[in-house]
Amino acid sequence: MTDIRSFDDIRTTLVEDTDYVVVGTGAGGATAAWVLAEAGHDVVMVEEGPPVGKEDFGDAMFPALATLYRGGGMEAFTGRSMITTLQGRVVGGTTVVNSAIAWRLPESSYDRWAYDPAIRAAFPLEELHRHWDVLDDVMHVTPTGADIAGRGNTLAAVGAEAMGWSGKVMNRFTSGCKGSGHCQHGCPNDAKMSTALTLIPRAGRNGARVLACCRVQKVDLDDSGRATGVTARMVDPVRHRKGPAVTVRARKGVVLAPGCLQLPGLLRASGFRHPQLGHHFQCHPGTSLMPFFDEEVRYWDGATQGWESDEFFDEGMKFEVVNVPVEVNVGRLPGVGRDLARVLDDLRYTGSWALLVRMEAEGKVGGRPGGQARVSFTPTRYDMERIRRGLHRFTQIAFAAGARKVSTGVYGLPKLLEPGQADLVLDASLDPRCYTMVATHLFGTARAAGSEHDGVCNPELRPWGTEALWVVDSSVFPKNLGVNPQHMIQAVARHAAERI
């Protein structure tokens, strides 16, 4: 059992001593803590969110948003359009609420990501594959079985095959998946191999412990720039009650993985300054498509995500099936009143599909520790052309699979497209305000580079000018990936932690 202390367990001011303090328990933080603990170091993990288990996971999405997600799932970017972003805030981070998709970075994406020779030398692709080999075993990476895929996944595969385009089942971090379709609520069967069920217990068996409901306010840096620990406070993340002050003193160093949007505010509050901190933010905004079929689909039955197509990956787009919770999908369906009621009558005949786009736009992130990050981000015209082109192709897949109508959710297009109308998508507006977009893959607010002029962190993932301080989440990524990032975050964190 991992020693996890939460809000109600800490009654008075706490001072803790350790070798390494790791901030964040998601993909990056838990991976680093596991490696350091197995190497014999004393490790304390600090997590702003609460510890949760399957008894805390229900069928309804909105209670899950309130308890499992940062900002109740209501945080959004500002810019030309509002783009919602979803981040887990629990022990295990976003790995508790994501769709558990495992992607090894393709060589073409690696070449984009490691365009800086210093980063390529620090993180060779063959070394990342070595880490993926280990992680595949520890995190139980398995393909989605046909018995749990559900009709939404199989119909997309039928349509892509009819178009002559590639498609494949997804590899996911699962063990014993029952296809309940509740990944985004938290898995009710403990089948999703989040870090809460895998790496944190492994670290715990080697003495690592967790302070949950503990918000880090700053990294403590001495006059030489060496990290000596963190200053924090116990905070009930749901009821917003404040608890005692917490100091964790680190003899050997501090490892940061609070998330791409939280890192800039934390470093600024710690007194760290760099002109690029919070800049060069990138992401993968996605938009959805809902095809209506003659046969029952019941998209909420089966694996949350089980099929994908990378046919047009080199163009920066990927097609996915995603079981968005019914309560959320209803909000983007066309019509009101009786018109909406008629659409809802058809809901069991619909699929829930998503287009993922690797955008070239860069944004800026501000904010303070624990607060809502201020994110300014506007897709470029080229990004929107990708969105439009991808929706057109996915609409073609839907009709090739036998859809009788398709809802794109794009303002200005017919509410429901019929067969023969797919090309209307090519005339859709390129104004981002006309599209419903969600961003869940976030990168680059403290990117690593071979020179201080080009990045916030050096190739060892230390912020320039600091000692005994490392960043091991996607904040350090020089470029966005074009694929689901958990596997890459974990490989980079494992490689960095081995060097530490």
Protein backbone atom coordinates (compact mmCIF):
# COMPACT_ATOMS: atom_id res chain seq x y z
CA MET A 1 0.00 0.00 0.00
CA THR A 2 1.24 3.47 -0.90
CA ASP A 3 1.28 5.94 1.98
CA ILE A 4 -1.21 8.60 0.79
CA ARG A 5 -2.10 11.43 3.13
CA SER A 6 -4.93 13.74 2.13
CA PHE A 7 -6.71 16.88 3.36
CA ASP A 8 -8.28 15.36 6.48
CA ASP A 9 -5.03 13.65 7.49
CA ILE A 10 -2.96 16.82 7.92
CA ARG A 11 -4.22 18.90 10.87
CA THR A 12 -1.23 21.07 11.66
CA THR A 13 1.71 22.66 9.88
CA LEU A 14 3.77 19.93 8.23
CA VAL A 15 7.50 19.89 7.49
CA GLU A 16 8.68 16.84 5.56
CA ASP A 17 12.22 15.86 4.57
CA THR A 18 13.06 13.69 1.57
CA ASP A 19 15.65 13.16 -1.16
CA TYR A 20 13.42 14.20 -4.05
CA VAL A 21 10.05 15.91 -4.12
CA VAL A 22 8.00 15.27 -7.27
CA VAL A 23 5.21 17.72 -8.06
CA GLY A 24 2.37 16.00 -9.93
CA THR A 25 1.33 12.34 -10.10
CA GLY A 26 0.22 12.03 -13.72
CA ALA A 27 2.15 10.55 -16.63
CA GLY A 28 5.38 12.49 -16.08
CA GLY A 29 5.48 12.83 -12.31
CA ALA A 30 4.53 9.26 -11.44
CA THR A 31 7.03 7.89 -13.96
CA ALA A 32 9.88 9.95 -12.48
CA ALA A 33 8.88 9.01 -8.91
CA TRP A 34 8.82 5.31 -9.83
CA VAL A 35 12.31 5.43 -11.36
CA LEU A 36 13.81 7.44 -8.49
CA ALA A 37 12.22 5.26 -5.79
CA GLU A 38 13.37 2.05 -7.46
CA ALA A 39 16.90 3.50 -7.55
CA GLY A 40 16.80 3.70 -3.74
CA HIS A 41 16.00 7.40 -3.23
CA ASP A 42 13.46 8.68 -0.74
CA VAL A 43 10.61 10.31 -2.71
CA VAL A 44 7.60 12.44 -1.78
CA MET A 45 4.98 13.06 -4.46
CA VAL A 46 2.83 16.17 -4.07
CA GLU A 47 -0.57 16.23 -5.80
CA GLU A 48 -3.12 19.04 -5.80
CA GLY A 49 -6.06 16.69 -6.38
CA PRO A 50 -7.59 14.05 -4.09
CA PRO A 51 -7.00 10.30 -4.07
CA VAL A 52 -9.88 8.50 -5.81
CA GLY A 53 -10.87 4.93 -6.53
CA LYS A 54 -13.54 3.09 -8.48
CA GLU A 55 -16.01 3.65 -5.64
CA ASP A 56 -15.80 7.36 -6.51
CA PHE A 57 -16.61 6.83 -10.20
CA GLY A 58 -20.25 7.00 -11.30
CA ASP A 59 -22.28 6.90 -14.49
CA ALA A 60 -22.93 10.65 -14.74
CA MET A 61 -20.41 13.00 -16.34
CA PHE A 62 -21.18 16.24 -14.56
CA PRO A 63 -20.38 14.96 -11.02
CA ALA A 64 -17.18 13.54 -12.52
CA LEU A 65 -16.28 16.95 -13.93
CA ALA A 66 -16.70 18.51 -10.49
CA THR A 67 -14.54 16.00 -8.64
CA LEU A 68 -12.01 14.66 -11.14
CA TYR A 69 -11.23 17.58 -13.47
CA ARG A 70 -9.38 20.85 -13.02
CA GLY A 71 -11.81 23.74 -12.95
CA GLY A 72 -14.76 21.37 -13.14
CA GLY A 73 -13.91 20.77 -16.81
CA MET A 74 -14.90 24.35 -17.59
CA GLU A 75 -11.49 25.85 -18.37
CA ALA A 76 -11.06 27.30 -21.86
CA PHE A 77 -8.63 29.22 -24.05
CA THR A 78 -9.32 32.77 -25.12
CA GLY A 79 -8.63 34.03 -28.62
CA ARG A 80 -10.63 34.13 -31.81
CA SER A 81 -12.76 31.27 -30.45
CA MET A 82 -13.31 29.54 -27.13
CA ILE A 83 -11.59 26.15 -27.01
CA THR A 84 -12.34 24.02 -23.97
CA THR A 85 -9.55 22.04 -22.34
CA LEU A 86 -9.85 19.02 -20.03
CA GLN A 87 -7.23 18.10 -17.40
CA GLY A 88 -7.50 15.59 -14.60
CA ARG A 89 -6.82 16.80 -11.06
CA VAL A 90 -6.59 13.69 -8.88
CA VAL A 91 -3.90 11.30 -7.73
CA GLY A 92 -2.92 9.83 -11.10
CA GLY A 93 -3.62 13.07 -12.96
CA THR A 94 -5.17 12.95 -16.40
CA THR A 95 -4.29 9.25 -16.75
CA VAL A 96 -7.34 8.59 -14.53
CA VAL A 97 -9.78 10.30 -16.94
CA ASN A 98 -8.23 9.99 -20.40
CA SER A 99 -9.01 7.26 -22.93
CA ALA A 100 -5.78 5.36 -22.14
CA ILE A 101 -4.39 5.56 -25.68
CA ALA A 102 -0.80 4.40 -26.16
CA TRP A 103 1.17 5.72 -29.16
CA ARG A 104 4.85 5.29 -29.85
CA LEU A 105 6.02 8.42 -31.62
CA PRO A 106 6.46 7.76 -35.37
CA GLU A 107 9.87 8.58 -36.82
CA SER A 108 8.47 11.46 -38.89
CA SER A 109 7.02 13.03 -35.73
CA TYR A 110 10.22 12.42 -33.83
CA ASP A 111 12.14 14.32 -36.53
CA ARG A 112 9.81 17.32 -36.05
CA TRP A 113 9.95 17.06 -32.26
CA ALA A 114 13.75 16.68 -32.08
CA TYR A 115 14.63 19.31 -34.70
CA ASP A 116 17.24 20.69 -32.28
CA PRO A 117 20.39 18.48 -32.50
CA ALA A 118 20.92 18.87 -28.74
CA ILE A 119 17.49 17.41 -28.00
CA ARG A 120 18.04 14.61 -30.51
CA ALA A 121 21.32 13.76 -28.76
CA ALA A 122 19.72 13.91 -25.30
CA PHE A 123 16.68 11.79 -26.25
CA PRO A 124 17.68 9.37 -29.04
CA LEU A 125 14.75 7.58 -30.65
CA GLU A 126 16.26 4.18 -29.91
CA GLU A 127 16.40 5.08 -26.21
CA LEU A 128 12.74 6.12 -26.26
CA HIS A 129 11.89 2.73 -27.76
CA ARG A 130 13.82 1.08 -24.94
CA HIS A 131 11.62 2.90 -22.45
CA TRP A 132 8.47 2.08 -24.41
CA ASP A 133 9.40 -1.60 -24.28
CA VAL A 134 9.43 -1.41 -20.49
CA LEU A 135 6.35 0.78 -20.24
CA ASP A 136 4.35 -1.48 -22.56
CA ASP A 137 4.78 -4.24 -20.01
CA VAL A 138 4.34 -2.20 -16.83
CA MET A 139 1.39 -0.20 -18.17
CA HIS A 140 -0.26 -3.21 -19.89
CA VAL A 141 -0.41 -1.82 -23.42
CA THR A 142 -2.90 -3.99 -25.34
CA PRO A 143 -4.92 -3.63 -28.57
CA THR A 144 -8.65 -3.03 -28.25
CA GLY A 145 -10.41 -6.36 -28.61
CA ALA A 146 -13.22 -6.88 -31.10
CA ASP A 147 -15.44 -8.16 -28.27
CA ILE A 148 -15.40 -4.77 -26.52
CA ALA A 149 -15.06 -2.40 -29.49
CA GLY A 150 -18.74 -1.54 -29.95
CA ARG A 151 -20.55 -0.60 -33.16
CA GLY A 152 -19.24 2.97 -33.21
CA ASN A 153 -15.69 1.70 -33.65
CA THR A 154 -16.52 -1.02 -36.18
CA LEU A 155 -18.65 1.25 -38.39
CA ALA A 156 -15.81 3.77 -38.71
CA ALA A 157 -13.53 0.92 -39.77
CA VAL A 158 -16.06 -0.15 -42.42
CA GLY A 159 -16.26 3.37 -43.82
CA ALA A 160 -12.50 3.88 -43.99
CA GLU A 161 -12.03 0.52 -45.72
CA ALA A 162 -14.71 1.46 -48.26
CA MET A 163 -12.79 4.68 -48.99
CA GLY A 164 -9.55 2.74 -49.35
CA TRP A 165 -8.01 4.48 -46.34
CA SER A 166 -6.00 2.90 -43.52
CA GLY A 167 -7.41 2.23 -40.08
CA LYS A 168 -6.50 0.18 -37.04
CA VAL A 169 -7.59 -0.71 -33.56
CA MET A 170 -6.06 1.44 -30.83
CA ASN A 171 -3.43 0.25 -28.39
CA ARG A 172 -4.45 1.23 -24.87
CA PHE A 173 -3.20 1.07 -21.28
CA THR A 174 -5.74 -1.52 -20.11
CA SER A 175 -6.04 -4.84 -18.37
CA GLY A 176 -9.37 -6.64 -18.44
CA CYS A 177 -11.29 -3.83 -20.18
CA LYS A 178 -15.03 -4.59 -20.23
CA GLY A 179 -15.94 -1.90 -22.74
CA SER A 180 -18.06 0.04 -20.27
CA GLY A 181 -17.36 3.31 -22.10
CA HIS A 182 -16.73 5.25 -18.89
CA CYS A 183 -13.06 6.19 -19.28
CA GLN A 184 -13.79 9.89 -18.90
CA HIS A 185 -15.76 9.31 -15.69
CA GLY A 186 -12.98 7.15 -14.21
CA CYS A 187 -12.97 3.40 -14.95
CA PRO A 188 -15.53 1.57 -12.75
CA ASN A 189 -13.70 -1.74 -13.24
CA ASP A 190 -10.11 -0.69 -12.45
CA ALA A 191 -9.30 -1.85 -15.98
CA LYS A 192 -7.66 1.36 -17.16
CA MET A 193 -4.03 1.25 -16.11
CA SER A 194 -3.65 4.80 -14.83
CA THR A 195 -0.54 5.75 -12.90
CA ALA A 196 -2.71 5.54 -9.76
CA LEU A 197 -2.99 1.77 -10.33
CA THR A 198 0.48 1.09 -11.73
CA LEU A 199 3.45 3.38 -11.15
CA ILE A 200 2.39 5.06 -7.92
CA PRO A 201 1.95 1.68 -6.15
CA ARG A 202 5.30 0.55 -7.58
CA ALA A 203 6.95 3.67 -6.20
CA GLY A 204 5.11 3.12 -2.92
CA ARG A 205 6.55 -0.36 -2.56
CA ASN A 206 9.95 1.32 -2.54
CA GLY A 207 8.99 3.81 0.15
CA ALA A 208 7.60 6.71 -1.92
CA ARG A 209 4.67 8.52 -0.33
CA VAL A 210 2.00 10.94 -1.55
CA LEU A 211 0.69 14.21 -0.16
CA ALA A 212 -2.69 14.66 -1.86
CA CYS A 213 -4.92 17.77 -1.79
CA CYS A 214 -1.66 19.68 -1.45
CA ARG A 215 -1.17 22.73 -3.68
CA VAL A 216 2.44 23.72 -4.34
CA GLN A 217 2.76 27.51 -4.15
CA LYS A 218 6.42 27.80 -5.10
CA VAL A 219 9.67 25.96 -5.52
CA ASP A 220 12.19 27.03 -2.90
CA LEU A 221 15.37 28.22 -4.64
CA ASP A 222 18.47 29.34 -2.76
CA ASP A 223 20.66 32.26 -3.82
CA SER A 224 22.60 30.07 -6.26
CA GLY A 225 19.42 28.90 -8.01
CA ARG A 226 19.46 25.46 -6.43
CA ALA A 227 16.06 23.91 -5.63
CA THR A 228 15.83 22.91 -1.98
CA GLY A 229 12.17 21.92 -1.73
CA VAL A 230 8.65 23.30 -2.13
CA THR A 231 6.28 25.49 -0.15
CA ALA A 232 2.69 24.28 -0.30
CA ARG A 233 -0.68 24.31 1.44
CA MET A 234 -3.33 21.68 2.01
CA VAL A 235 -6.44 22.60 0.00
CA ASP A 236 -9.71 20.71 -0.41
CA PRO A 237 -9.99 20.92 -4.23
CA VAL A 238 -13.77 20.35 -4.29
CA ARG A 239 -14.96 22.45 -1.32
CA HIS A 240 -12.05 24.90 -1.62
CA ARG A 241 -11.29 24.82 2.10
CA LYS A 242 -7.73 25.77 3.04
CA GLY A 243 -5.71 23.66 5.41
CA PRO A 244 -2.28 23.86 7.07
CA ALA A 245 0.93 25.06 5.47
CA VAL A 246 3.28 22.36 4.15
CA THR A 247 7.01 22.49 3.52
CA VAL A 248 8.78 19.60 1.80
CA ARG A 249 12.57 19.91 2.01
CA ALA A 250 14.46 18.05 -0.69
CA ARG A 251 18.06 17.01 -0.08
CA LYS A 252 18.74 16.09 -3.71
CA GLY A 253 16.28 18.01 -5.84
CA VAL A 254 12.80 18.88 -7.10
CA VAL A 255 11.09 17.29 -10.11
CA LEU A 256 8.19 19.21 -11.66
CA ALA A 257 5.30 17.69 -13.60
CA PRO A 258 2.29 19.85 -12.67
CA GLY A 259 1.02 20.08 -16.24
CA CYS A 260 1.76 22.26 -19.23
CA LEU A 261 -0.68 25.01 -18.20
CA GLN A 262 0.25 25.09 -14.50
CA LEU A 263 4.04 25.09 -14.87
CA PRO A 264 4.59 28.71 -16.02
CA GLY A 265 2.73 30.18 -13.05
CA LEU A 266 4.55 27.92 -10.61
CA LEU A 267 7.99 28.83 -11.95
CA ARG A 268 7.16 32.54 -11.97
CA ALA A 269 5.92 32.35 -8.36
CA SER A 270 9.25 30.70 -7.50
CA GLY A 271 11.19 33.69 -8.82
CA PHE A 272 12.32 32.04 -12.06
CA ARG A 273 12.36 34.29 -15.10
CA HIS A 274 12.85 33.52 -18.77
CA PRO A 275 11.46 35.48 -21.74
CA GLN A 276 10.03 32.33 -23.34
CA LEU A 277 8.33 30.92 -20.22
CA GLY A 278 4.66 30.43 -21.03
CA HIS A 279 5.21 31.08 -24.74
CA HIS A 280 5.23 28.63 -27.68
CA PHE A 281 2.19 26.79 -26.30
CA GLN A 282 0.82 24.23 -28.76
CA CYS A 283 -1.98 21.70 -28.67
CA HIS A 284 -4.15 19.25 -30.62
CA PRO A 285 -7.65 20.73 -30.78
CA GLY A 286 -10.24 18.21 -31.88
CA THR A 287 -13.74 18.57 -33.24
CA SER A 288 -16.50 16.00 -33.39
CA LEU A 289 -18.74 14.40 -35.96
CA MET A 290 -21.98 12.51 -35.31
CA PRO A 291 -23.17 10.16 -38.08
CA PHE A 292 -26.73 8.76 -37.94
CA PHE A 293 -27.32 5.18 -39.15
CA ASP A 294 -30.35 2.97 -39.82
CA GLU A 295 -29.08 0.35 -37.40
CA GLU A 296 -28.66 0.82 -33.67
CA VAL A 297 -25.14 1.94 -32.75
CA ARG A 298 -25.47 2.84 -29.06
CA TYR A 299 -22.06 4.48 -29.20
CA TRP A 300 -21.88 4.60 -25.40
CA ASP A 301 -21.57 0.79 -25.37
CA GLY A 302 -18.03 -0.43 -25.92
CA ALA A 303 -14.51 0.91 -25.51
CA THR A 304 -14.38 4.68 -25.08
CA GLN A 305 -11.89 4.81 -27.94
CA GLY A 306 -10.99 1.77 -29.98
CA TRP A 307 -10.36 2.69 -33.64
CA GLU A 308 -8.28 5.29 -35.44
CA SER A 309 -6.95 6.18 -38.87
CA ASP A 310 -3.59 7.80 -39.55
CA GLU A 311 -4.07 7.76 -43.33
CA PHE A 312 -3.48 11.51 -43.45
CA PHE A 313 -1.08 11.73 -40.54
CA ASP A 314 1.57 13.51 -42.62
CA GLU A 315 -1.01 16.24 -43.23
CA GLY A 316 -1.39 16.71 -39.47
CA MET A 317 -4.73 14.98 -38.91
CA LYS A 318 -5.96 11.77 -37.32
CA PHE A 319 -9.45 10.27 -37.22
CA GLU A 320 -10.70 8.65 -34.01
CA VAL A 321 -13.83 7.15 -32.55
CA VAL A 322 -14.50 8.63 -29.13
CA ASN A 323 -17.34 7.83 -26.77
CA VAL A 324 -18.08 11.35 -25.56
CA PRO A 325 -20.53 11.10 -22.63
CA VAL A 326 -24.15 11.52 -23.71
CA GLU A 327 -24.66 14.59 -21.50
CA VAL A 328 -21.81 16.34 -23.29
CA ASN A 329 -22.78 15.28 -26.82
CA VAL A 330 -26.34 16.51 -26.40
CA GLY A 331 -24.97 20.03 -26.02
CA ARG A 332 -23.60 20.02 -29.58
CA LEU A 333 -26.58 18.41 -31.32
CA PRO A 334 -28.64 20.58 -33.70
CA GLY A 335 -32.03 22.04 -32.86
CA VAL A 336 -34.03 23.13 -29.83
CA GLY A 337 -37.37 22.12 -28.40
CA ARG A 338 -39.23 19.55 -30.46
CA ASP A 339 -36.54 19.55 -33.16
CA LEU A 340 -33.93 18.60 -30.56
CA ALA A 341 -36.28 16.00 -29.08
CA ARG A 342 -36.57 14.33 -32.49
CA VAL A 343 -32.78 14.23 -32.78
CA LEU A 344 -32.52 12.77 -29.28
CA ASP A 345 -34.94 10.02 -30.32
CA ASP A 346 -32.30 9.05 -32.88
CA LEU A 347 -29.38 9.11 -30.42
CA ARG A 348 -29.10 5.33 -30.18
CA TYR A 349 -28.51 5.30 -33.96
CA THR A 350 -25.58 7.71 -33.85
CA GLY A 351 -21.82 7.35 -33.74
CA SER A 352 -19.48 9.68 -31.85
CA TRP A 353 -16.32 10.39 -33.86
CA ALA A 354 -13.54 12.96 -33.52
CA LEU A 355 -10.97 14.64 -35.72
CA LEU A 356 -7.61 15.36 -34.07
CA VAL A 357 -5.47 18.09 -35.67
CA ARG A 358 -1.80 18.93 -35.10
CA MET A 359 -2.03 22.71 -35.17
CA GLU A 360 0.84 25.00 -36.06
CA ALA A 361 -0.50 27.94 -34.04
CA GLU A 362 1.35 28.94 -30.87
CA GLY A 363 -0.23 30.53 -27.82
CA LYS A 364 0.72 32.08 -24.51
CA VAL A 365 0.02 30.88 -20.97
CA GLY A 366 -0.15 32.97 -17.79
CA GLY A 367 -1.70 32.51 -14.36
CA ARG A 368 -0.76 31.71 -10.79
CA PRO A 369 -0.20 28.39 -8.96
CA GLY A 370 -3.46 26.57 -8.33
CA GLY A 371 -5.53 29.10 -10.22
CA GLN A 372 -7.03 28.89 -13.67
CA ALA A 373 -4.36 29.29 -16.30
CA ARG A 374 -4.85 32.21 -18.68
CA VAL A 375 -4.37 30.78 -22.15
CA SER A 376 -4.41 32.86 -25.30
CA PHE A 377 -4.58 30.71 -28.44
CA THR A 378 -6.01 31.22 -31.92
CA PRO A 379 -5.73 28.64 -34.73
CA THR A 380 -4.12 29.89 -37.93
CA ARG A 381 -5.93 29.90 -41.26
CA TYR A 382 -3.82 26.91 -42.27
CA ASP A 383 -4.94 25.08 -39.10
CA MET A 384 -8.57 25.75 -39.92
CA GLU A 385 -8.07 24.52 -43.47
CA ARG A 386 -6.82 21.27 -41.92
CA ILE A 387 -9.91 21.11 -39.70
CA ARG A 388 -12.21 21.66 -42.66
CA ARG A 389 -10.39 19.18 -44.89
CA GLY A 390 -10.38 16.58 -42.12
CA LEU A 391 -14.11 16.98 -41.44
CA HIS A 392 -14.81 16.56 -45.14
CA ARG A 393 -12.88 13.29 -45.23
CA PHE A 394 -14.47 11.99 -42.06
CA THR A 395 -17.91 12.85 -43.45
CA GLN A 396 -17.01 10.80 -46.51
CA ILE A 397 -16.09 7.89 -44.22
CA ALA A 398 -19.44 8.19 -42.46
CA PHE A 399 -21.47 8.05 -45.67
CA ALA A 400 -19.29 5.22 -46.99
CA ALA A 401 -20.16 3.32 -43.80
CA GLY A 402 -23.88 3.75 -44.54
CA ALA A 403 -24.78 6.87 -42.56
CA ARG A 404 -28.12 8.41 -43.59
CA LYS A 405 -27.19 11.84 -42.24
CA VAL A 406 -24.28 13.52 -40.48
CA SER A 407 -24.08 16.32 -37.92
CA THR A 408 -20.81 18.26 -38.21
CA GLY A 409 -21.74 20.91 -35.65
CA VAL A 410 -20.25 23.59 -37.93
CA TYR A 411 -22.12 26.88 -37.95
CA GLY A 412 -23.22 27.81 -41.45
CA LEU A 413 -23.55 24.24 -42.75
CA PRO A 414 -26.90 22.41 -42.84
CA LYS A 415 -27.65 21.03 -39.39
CA LEU A 416 -27.74 17.53 -40.85
CA LEU A 417 -25.92 16.62 -44.05
CA GLU A 418 -27.42 13.94 -46.27
CA PRO A 419 -25.68 11.53 -48.67
CA GLY A 420 -24.29 13.47 -51.59
CA GLN A 421 -23.72 16.60 -49.51
CA ALA A 422 -20.27 15.81 -48.07
CA ASP A 423 -18.61 18.34 -50.37
CA LEU A 424 -20.58 21.14 -48.73
CA VAL A 425 -18.04 20.88 -45.91
CA LEU A 426 -15.37 22.19 -48.27
CA ASP A 427 -17.25 25.50 -48.42
CA ALA A 428 -17.55 25.86 -44.63
CA SER A 429 -16.23 29.00 -42.98
CA LEU A 430 -12.64 29.06 -41.76
CA ASP A 431 -13.60 31.24 -38.80
CA PRO A 432 -12.70 29.25 -35.64
CA ARG A 433 -15.87 30.57 -33.98
CA CYS A 434 -17.94 28.36 -36.28
CA TYR A 435 -16.49 25.15 -34.81
CA THR A 436 -16.78 23.33 -31.49
CA MET A 437 -13.27 22.36 -30.40
CA VAL A 438 -11.73 20.69 -27.36
CA ALA A 439 -7.99 20.49 -26.63
CA THR A 440 -6.64 17.72 -24.41
CA HIS A 441 -3.03 17.36 -25.62
CA LEU A 442 -0.97 20.34 -24.45
CA PHE A 443 2.69 21.14 -25.12
CA GLY A 444 5.59 23.52 -24.98
CA THR A 445 5.23 26.23 -22.31
CA ALA A 446 8.80 25.62 -21.09
CA ARG A 447 10.32 23.96 -24.10
CA ALA A 448 13.76 22.40 -23.95
CA ALA A 449 16.54 23.50 -26.30
CA GLY A 450 20.28 23.38 -26.75
CA SER A 451 20.71 27.06 -25.93
CA GLU A 452 19.17 29.41 -23.38
CA HIS A 453 18.16 31.70 -26.24
CA ASP A 454 15.96 29.00 -27.80
CA GLY A 455 14.28 27.42 -24.80
CA VAL A 456 13.39 27.58 -21.11
CA CYS A 457 15.01 24.26 -20.16
CA ASN A 458 18.31 22.71 -21.18
CA PRO A 459 18.58 19.22 -22.74
CA GLU A 460 18.74 17.72 -19.22
CA LEU A 461 15.29 19.32 -18.68
CA ARG A 462 16.62 21.76 -16.06
CA PRO A 463 15.39 25.36 -16.31
CA TRP A 464 18.40 27.39 -17.39
CA GLY A 465 20.32 28.85 -14.45
CA THR A 466 18.94 26.42 -11.87
CA GLU A 467 20.37 23.37 -10.16
CA ALA A 468 18.64 20.29 -8.75
CA LEU A 469 15.41 21.24 -10.56
CA TRP A 470 13.90 19.33 -13.50
CA VAL A 471 10.70 19.48 -15.57
CA VAL A 472 9.42 16.12 -16.86
CA ASP A 473 6.00 16.78 -18.36
CA SER A 474 4.95 17.95 -21.84
CA SER A 475 5.84 21.55 -20.94
CA VAL A 476 9.36 20.80 -22.21
CA PHE A 477 8.29 19.40 -25.59
CA PRO A 478 9.78 21.53 -28.39
CA LYS A 479 6.87 20.76 -30.74
CA ASN A 480 3.46 19.14 -30.57
CA LEU A 481 3.32 15.50 -31.60
CA GLY A 482 0.28 14.81 -33.75
CA VAL A 483 -0.46 11.69 -31.66
CA ASN A 484 -1.78 11.01 -28.17
CA PRO A 485 1.06 12.05 -25.87
CA GLN A 486 0.93 9.90 -22.70
CA HIS A 487 3.39 7.27 -23.93
CA MET A 488 5.85 9.95 -25.10
CA ILE A 489 5.59 11.89 -21.83
CA GLN A 490 6.34 8.73 -19.88
CA ALA A 491 9.30 7.75 -22.06
CA VAL A 492 10.84 11.23 -21.77
CA ALA A 493 10.22 11.31 -18.02
CA ARG A 494 11.73 7.86 -17.55
CA HIS A 495 14.82 8.79 -19.57
CA ALA A 496 15.27 12.03 -17.64
CA ALA A 497 14.76 10.32 -14.29
CA GLU A 498 17.37 7.67 -15.12
CA ARG A 499 19.88 10.47 -15.77
CA ILE A 500 18.90 12.20 -12.54
